[in-house]
Amino acid sequence: MSTSSRITAAADFPVSLDEAKSHLRVEVPDDDAMISGLIAGATGFAEQFLRRRLMVETWEDWLDSFSDEMILRHSPVSSVTSISYVDTSGNVQTLSASVYTTEIVAGPNPPRAVVRLAYGEAWPSIRDQAGAVKIRYSAGYASAAAVPDAIKAAIRLIVGHQYANREDVVSGTIVSKVPNGADYLLRPYRLWEFL
């Protein structure tokens, strides 16, 4: 079994307040706080849909044991910081980086990163307990500029929709979906496998 915990949250969003205001054609600062909240919500929605982190965060995956192929839950991964484990005596140890390799693919639409045992190495013995192995890593695009334009466009569309429609239900209108809506822009970047 595997669980995941965010250690450090992102410091920024892929779409800035100025970009969102330009998209909305808003020039005055009256709604800045609300628009910032909409950006945060739209980014969260996009991350949930994509199963990706958009801006750099530190994550830790907790596994019950070592395995031949340990797939990291969040993508895109820029680096594995450390792997620690609980030894048979109950002490926490840090695994030498020479014991494992990481398969990290760069680019706008990378698959999940994988940690594997290095050639000629062996995993250490661990205590039989939940979360005995912890992998700490950085996940997210390096900067807002590195986030694919289609993802940022989808976030702007979501912000625009939420800004224009501030209630759950709108009466007296006919609603139709925009053909190139946010989901169409996000879908090519979605990770389809579940972990």
C-alpha atoms as a PDB file:
ATOM      1  CA  MET A   1       0.000   0.000   0.000  1.00  0.00           C
ATOM      2  CA  SER A   2       1.149   3.527  -0.754  1.00  0.00           C
ATOM      3  CA  THR A   3       0.112   6.894   0.638  1.00  0.00           C
ATOM      4  CA  SER A   4       1.406  10.353  -0.044  1.00  0.00           C
ATOM      5  CA  SER A   5       1.903  13.524   1.974  1.00  0.00           C
ATOM      6  CA  ARG A   6       2.722  17.046   0.814  1.00  0.00           C
ATOM      7  CA  ILE A   7       5.704  18.415   2.743  1.00  0.00           C
ATOM      8  CA  THR A   8       6.022  21.835   1.092  1.00  0.00           C
ATOM      9  CA  ALA A   9       3.258  23.550  -0.890  1.00  0.00           C
ATOM     10  CA  ALA A  10       3.829  25.511  -4.080  1.00  0.00           C
ATOM     11  CA  ALA A  11       4.829  29.129  -3.588  1.00  0.00           C
ATOM     12  CA  ASP A  12       3.046  30.370  -6.726  1.00  0.00           C
ATOM     13  CA  PHE A  13       0.412  29.502  -9.329  1.00  0.00           C
ATOM     14  CA  PRO A  14       0.820  28.801 -13.060  1.00  0.00           C
ATOM     15  CA  VAL A  15      -1.445  31.756 -13.914  1.00  0.00           C
ATOM     16  CA  SER A  16      -0.656  35.123 -12.313  1.00  0.00           C
ATOM     17  CA  LEU A  17      -3.217  37.618 -11.085  1.00  0.00           C
ATOM     18  CA  ASP A  18      -2.260  39.978 -13.938  1.00  0.00           C
ATOM     19  CA  GLU A  19      -2.748  37.219 -16.544  1.00  0.00           C
ATOM     20  CA  ALA A  20      -6.151  36.331 -15.101  1.00  0.00           C
ATOM     21  CA  LYS A  21      -7.243  39.985 -14.973  1.00  0.00           C
ATOM     22  CA  SER A  22      -6.152  40.480 -18.571  1.00  0.00           C
ATOM     23  CA  HIS A  23      -8.192  37.418 -19.595  1.00  0.00           C
ATOM     24  CA  LEU A  24     -11.196  38.748 -17.659  1.00  0.00           C
ATOM     25  CA  ARG A  25     -10.683  42.301 -18.994  1.00  0.00           C
ATOM     26  CA  VAL A  26     -10.641  43.635 -15.445  1.00  0.00           C
ATOM     27  CA  GLU A  27      -8.429  46.650 -14.795  1.00  0.00           C
ATOM     28  CA  VAL A  28      -9.423  47.795 -11.304  1.00  0.00           C
ATOM     29  CA  PRO A  29      -8.104  46.133  -8.122  1.00  0.00           C
ATOM     30  CA  ASP A  30     -11.562  45.790  -6.535  1.00  0.00           C
ATOM     31  CA  ASP A  31     -11.852  42.036  -7.188  1.00  0.00           C
ATOM     32  CA  ASP A  32      -8.173  41.083  -6.827  1.00  0.00           C
ATOM     33  CA  ALA A  33      -8.710  38.957  -3.702  1.00  0.00           C
ATOM     34  CA  MET A  34     -11.629  37.103  -5.265  1.00  0.00           C
ATOM     35  CA  ILE A  35      -9.764  36.529  -8.550  1.00  0.00           C
ATOM     36  CA  SER A  36      -6.745  35.208  -6.611  1.00  0.00           C
ATOM     37  CA  GLY A  37      -9.065  32.747  -4.870  1.00  0.00           C
ATOM     38  CA  LEU A  38     -10.510  31.697  -8.224  1.00  0.00           C
ATOM     39  CA  ILE A  39      -6.973  31.087  -9.557  1.00  0.00           C
ATOM     40  CA  ALA A  40      -6.219  28.883  -6.543  1.00  0.00           C
ATOM     41  CA  GLY A  41      -9.450  26.930  -7.023  1.00  0.00           C
ATOM     42  CA  ALA A  42      -8.978  26.540 -10.780  1.00  0.00           C
ATOM     43  CA  THR A  43      -5.386  25.369 -10.269  1.00  0.00           C
ATOM     44  CA  GLY A  44      -6.553  22.822  -7.696  1.00  0.00           C
ATOM     45  CA  PHE A  45      -9.234  21.564 -10.076  1.00  0.00           C
ATOM     46  CA  ALA A  46      -6.711  21.254 -12.919  1.00  0.00           C
ATOM     47  CA  GLU A  47      -4.254  19.360 -10.706  1.00  0.00           C
ATOM     48  CA  GLN A  48      -6.987  16.978  -9.544  1.00  0.00           C
ATOM     49  CA  PHE A  49      -8.155  16.332 -13.107  1.00  0.00           C
ATOM     50  CA  LEU A  50      -4.630  15.969 -14.518  1.00  0.00           C
ATOM     51  CA  ARG A  51      -3.288  13.954 -11.557  1.00  0.00           C
ATOM     52  CA  ARG A  52      -0.232  16.238 -11.766  1.00  0.00           C
ATOM     53  CA  ARG A  53       1.363  18.970  -9.684  1.00  0.00           C
ATOM     54  CA  LEU A  54       1.642  22.186 -11.654  1.00  0.00           C
ATOM     55  CA  MET A  55       4.140  24.140  -9.552  1.00  0.00           C
ATOM     56  CA  VAL A  56       7.086  22.764  -7.577  1.00  0.00           C
ATOM     57  CA  GLU A  57       6.150  21.106  -4.293  1.00  0.00           C
ATOM     58  CA  THR A  58       7.890  18.627  -2.015  1.00  0.00           C
ATOM     59  CA  TRP A  59       6.099  15.289  -1.582  1.00  0.00           C
ATOM     60  CA  GLU A  60       6.748  12.138   0.372  1.00  0.00           C
ATOM     61  CA  ASP A  61       5.383   8.742  -0.661  1.00  0.00           C
ATOM     62  CA  TRP A  62       5.100   6.163   2.121  1.00  0.00           C
ATOM     63  CA  LEU A  63       5.311   2.510   1.099  1.00  0.00           C
ATOM     64  CA  ASP A  64       5.084  -0.639   3.194  1.00  0.00           C
ATOM     65  CA  SER A  65       8.118  -2.228   1.533  1.00  0.00           C
ATOM     66  CA  PHE A  66      10.704  -1.877  -1.201  1.00  0.00           C
ATOM     67  CA  SER A  67       9.788  -3.272  -4.616  1.00  0.00           C
ATOM     68  CA  ASP A  68      11.454  -3.704  -7.994  1.00  0.00           C
ATOM     69  CA  GLU A  69       9.587  -0.725  -9.414  1.00  0.00           C
ATOM     70  CA  MET A  70       8.313   2.047  -7.155  1.00  0.00           C
ATOM     71  CA  ILE A  71       6.174   4.499  -9.128  1.00  0.00           C
ATOM     72  CA  LEU A  72       6.002   7.967  -7.597  1.00  0.00           C
ATOM     73  CA  ARG A  73       2.473   9.253  -7.138  1.00  0.00           C
ATOM     74  CA  HIS A  74       2.974  12.845  -8.302  1.00  0.00           C
ATOM     75  CA  SER A  75       4.298  14.115 -11.609  1.00  0.00           C
ATOM     76  CA  PRO A  76       6.302  15.703 -13.141  1.00  0.00           C
ATOM     77  CA  VAL A  77       9.216  14.799 -10.850  1.00  0.00           C
ATOM     78  CA  SER A  78      12.368  16.895 -11.015  1.00  0.00           C
ATOM     79  CA  SER A  79      14.415  15.038  -8.401  1.00  0.00           C
ATOM     80  CA  VAL A  80      14.332  12.421  -5.670  1.00  0.00           C
ATOM     81  CA  THR A  81      15.719  14.074  -2.537  1.00  0.00           C
ATOM     82  CA  SER A  82      16.020  11.023  -0.290  1.00  0.00           C
ATOM     83  CA  ILE A  83      14.780   7.548   0.493  1.00  0.00           C
ATOM     84  CA  SER A  84      14.560   6.554   4.130  1.00  0.00           C
ATOM     85  CA  TYR A  85      13.402   3.341   5.750  1.00  0.00           C
ATOM     86  CA  VAL A  86      12.811   1.765   9.152  1.00  0.00           C
ATOM     87  CA  ASP A  87      15.399  -0.973   9.742  1.00  0.00           C
ATOM     88  CA  THR A  88      14.657  -4.223  11.570  1.00  0.00           C
ATOM     89  CA  SER A  89      15.688  -2.604  14.891  1.00  0.00           C
ATOM     90  CA  GLY A  90      13.155   0.203  14.429  1.00  0.00           C
ATOM     91  CA  ASN A  91      15.673   2.914  13.551  1.00  0.00           C
ATOM     92  CA  VAL A  92      15.179   5.274  10.614  1.00  0.00           C
ATOM     93  CA  GLN A  93      18.001   5.019   8.068  1.00  0.00           C
ATOM     94  CA  THR A  94      18.708   6.996   4.895  1.00  0.00           C
ATOM     95  CA  LEU A  95      19.400   4.888   1.833  1.00  0.00           C
ATOM     96  CA  SER A  96      22.541   5.670  -0.146  1.00  0.00           C
ATOM     97  CA  ALA A  97      21.727   7.134  -3.571  1.00  0.00           C
ATOM     98  CA  SER A  98      24.039   4.513  -5.121  1.00  0.00           C
ATOM     99  CA  VAL A  99      21.546   1.767  -4.201  1.00  0.00           C
ATOM    100  CA  TYR A 100      18.780   3.018  -6.487  1.00  0.00           C
ATOM    101  CA  THR A 101      18.215   4.696  -9.835  1.00  0.00           C
ATOM    102  CA  THR A 102      15.467   7.090 -10.825  1.00  0.00           C
ATOM    103  CA  GLU A 103      13.772   7.192 -14.186  1.00  0.00           C
ATOM    104  CA  ILE A 104      12.631  10.779 -14.651  1.00  0.00           C
ATOM    105  CA  VAL A 105      11.393  11.904 -18.052  1.00  0.00           C
ATOM    106  CA  ALA A 106      11.455  15.642 -18.763  1.00  0.00           C
ATOM    107  CA  GLY A 107       9.124  17.564 -21.033  1.00  0.00           C
ATOM    108  CA  PRO A 108       5.649  19.065 -21.057  1.00  0.00           C
ATOM    109  CA  ASN A 109       3.777  15.760 -20.698  1.00  0.00           C
ATOM    110  CA  PRO A 110       6.006  13.300 -18.795  1.00  0.00           C
ATOM    111  CA  PRO A 111       4.898   9.944 -17.379  1.00  0.00           C
ATOM    112  CA  ARG A 112       5.246   9.202 -13.686  1.00  0.00           C
ATOM    113  CA  ALA A 113       8.807   8.811 -12.374  1.00  0.00           C
ATOM    114  CA  VAL A 114      10.029   5.389 -11.281  1.00  0.00           C
ATOM    115  CA  VAL A 115      12.580   4.387  -8.624  1.00  0.00           C
ATOM    116  CA  ARG A 116      14.368   1.095  -9.251  1.00  0.00           C
ATOM    117  CA  LEU A 117      17.091  -0.930  -7.593  1.00  0.00           C
ATOM    118  CA  ALA A 118      20.512  -0.199  -9.102  1.00  0.00           C
ATOM    119  CA  TYR A 119      22.361  -3.022 -10.855  1.00  0.00           C
ATOM    120  CA  GLY A 120      24.206  -5.284  -8.419  1.00  0.00           C
ATOM    121  CA  GLU A 121      22.548  -3.766  -5.337  1.00  0.00           C
ATOM    122  CA  ALA A 122      20.059  -5.184  -2.834  1.00  0.00           C
ATOM    123  CA  TRP A 123      17.344  -3.478  -0.844  1.00  0.00           C
ATOM    124  CA  PRO A 124      18.080  -3.440   2.899  1.00  0.00           C
ATOM    125  CA  SER A 125      15.947  -5.431   5.340  1.00  0.00           C
ATOM    126  CA  ILE A 126      13.148  -3.372   6.828  1.00  0.00           C
ATOM    127  CA  ARG A 127      10.749  -3.656   9.717  1.00  0.00           C
ATOM    128  CA  ASP A 128       7.370  -5.152   8.796  1.00  0.00           C
ATOM    129  CA  GLN A 129       5.189  -2.093   9.355  1.00  0.00           C
ATOM    130  CA  ALA A 130       3.020   0.324   7.405  1.00  0.00           C
ATOM    131  CA  GLY A 131       4.960   3.169   5.802  1.00  0.00           C
ATOM    132  CA  ALA A 132       8.382   1.643   6.454  1.00  0.00           C
ATOM    133  CA  VAL A 133       9.804   3.209   3.268  1.00  0.00           C
ATOM    134  CA  LYS A 134       9.584   6.958   2.579  1.00  0.00           C
ATOM    135  CA  ILE A 135      10.569   8.547  -0.724  1.00  0.00           C
ATOM    136  CA  ARG A 136      10.902  12.343  -0.668  1.00  0.00           C
ATOM    137  CA  TYR A 137      10.931  14.191  -4.001  1.00  0.00           C
ATOM    138  CA  SER A 138      10.145  17.415  -5.819  1.00  0.00           C
ATOM    139  CA  ALA A 139       7.176  17.393  -8.181  1.00  0.00           C
ATOM    140  CA  GLY A 140       5.811  20.109 -10.433  1.00  0.00           C
ATOM    141  CA  TYR A 141       6.909  22.132 -13.440  1.00  0.00           C
ATOM    142  CA  ALA A 142      10.040  24.214 -12.756  1.00  0.00           C
ATOM    143  CA  SER A 143       8.241  27.541 -13.285  1.00  0.00           C
ATOM    144  CA  ALA A 144       4.982  29.006 -14.545  1.00  0.00           C
ATOM    145  CA  ALA A 145       6.659  29.453 -17.940  1.00  0.00           C
ATOM    146  CA  ALA A 146       7.294  25.675 -18.102  1.00  0.00           C
ATOM    147  CA  VAL A 147       3.612  24.787 -17.576  1.00  0.00           C
ATOM    148  CA  PRO A 148       2.101  23.932 -20.983  1.00  0.00           C
ATOM    149  CA  ASP A 149       0.112  26.797 -22.493  1.00  0.00           C
ATOM    150  CA  ALA A 150      -2.990  24.619 -22.891  1.00  0.00           C
ATOM    151  CA  ILE A 151      -3.080  23.973 -19.123  1.00  0.00           C
ATOM    152  CA  LYS A 152      -2.742  27.681 -18.374  1.00  0.00           C
ATOM    153  CA  ALA A 153      -5.473  28.461 -20.942  1.00  0.00           C
ATOM    154  CA  ALA A 154      -7.765  25.944 -19.228  1.00  0.00           C
ATOM    155  CA  ILE A 155      -7.129  27.569 -15.843  1.00  0.00           C
ATOM    156  CA  ARG A 156      -7.972  30.980 -17.327  1.00  0.00           C
ATOM    157  CA  LEU A 157     -11.203  29.559 -18.803  1.00  0.00           C
ATOM    158  CA  ILE A 158     -12.202  28.105 -15.426  1.00  0.00           C
ATOM    159  CA  VAL A 159     -11.426  31.409 -13.690  1.00  0.00           C
ATOM    160  CA  GLY A 160     -13.460  33.265 -16.348  1.00  0.00           C
ATOM    161  CA  HIS A 161     -16.424  30.933 -15.921  1.00  0.00           C
ATOM    162  CA  GLN A 162     -16.348  31.212 -12.132  1.00  0.00           C
ATOM    163  CA  TYR A 163     -15.960  35.000 -12.278  1.00  0.00           C
ATOM    164  CA  ALA A 164     -18.928  35.393 -14.646  1.00  0.00           C
ATOM    165  CA  ASN A 165     -21.110  32.802 -12.865  1.00  0.00           C
ATOM    166  CA  ARG A 166     -20.821  33.344  -9.139  1.00  0.00           C
ATOM    167  CA  GLU A 167     -23.665  31.021  -8.160  1.00  0.00           C
ATOM    168  CA  ASP A 168     -24.255  27.282  -8.591  1.00  0.00           C
ATOM    169  CA  VAL A 169     -27.458  27.800 -10.566  1.00  0.00           C
ATOM    170  CA  VAL A 170     -28.278  30.467 -13.146  1.00  0.00           C
ATOM    171  CA  SER A 171     -31.986  30.953 -13.940  1.00  0.00           C
ATOM    172  CA  GLY A 172     -33.509  32.063 -17.209  1.00  0.00           C
ATOM    173  CA  THR A 173     -30.619  31.244 -19.537  1.00  0.00           C
ATOM    174  CA  ILE A 174     -29.795  28.555 -22.019  1.00  0.00           C
ATOM    175  CA  VAL A 175     -26.513  26.883 -21.206  1.00  0.00           C
ATOM    176  CA  SER A 176     -24.268  25.172 -23.717  1.00  0.00           C
ATOM    177  CA  LYS A 177     -20.723  23.968 -23.345  1.00  0.00           C
ATOM    178  CA  VAL A 178     -17.941  25.696 -25.240  1.00  0.00           C
ATOM    179  CA  PRO A 179     -16.485  23.103 -27.693  1.00  0.00           C
ATOM    180  CA  ASN A 180     -12.877  23.901 -26.785  1.00  0.00           C
ATOM    181  CA  GLY A 181     -13.535  24.194 -23.063  1.00  0.00           C
ATOM    182  CA  ALA A 182     -11.132  23.573 -20.209  1.00  0.00           C
ATOM    183  CA  ASP A 183     -11.549  19.797 -20.219  1.00  0.00           C
ATOM    184  CA  TYR A 184     -10.547  19.592 -23.897  1.00  0.00           C
ATOM    185  CA  LEU A 185      -7.427  21.626 -23.175  1.00  0.00           C
ATOM    186  CA  LEU A 186      -6.496  19.528 -20.118  1.00  0.00           C
ATOM    187  CA  ARG A 187      -7.268  16.039 -21.440  1.00  0.00           C
ATOM    188  CA  PRO A 188      -4.022  15.506 -23.456  1.00  0.00           C
ATOM    189  CA  TYR A 189      -1.962  16.134 -20.285  1.00  0.00           C
ATOM    190  CA  ARG A 190      -3.958  13.856 -17.989  1.00  0.00           C
ATOM    191  CA  LEU A 191      -2.233  10.881 -16.369  1.00  0.00           C
ATOM    192  CA  TRP A 192      -4.700   8.060 -16.951  1.00  0.00           C
ATOM    193  CA  GLU A 193      -3.340   5.417 -14.597  1.00  0.00           C
ATOM    194  CA  PHE A 194      -4.457   5.434 -10.987  1.00  0.00           C
ATOM    195  CA  LEU A 195      -2.128   4.933  -8.013  1.00  0.00           C
END
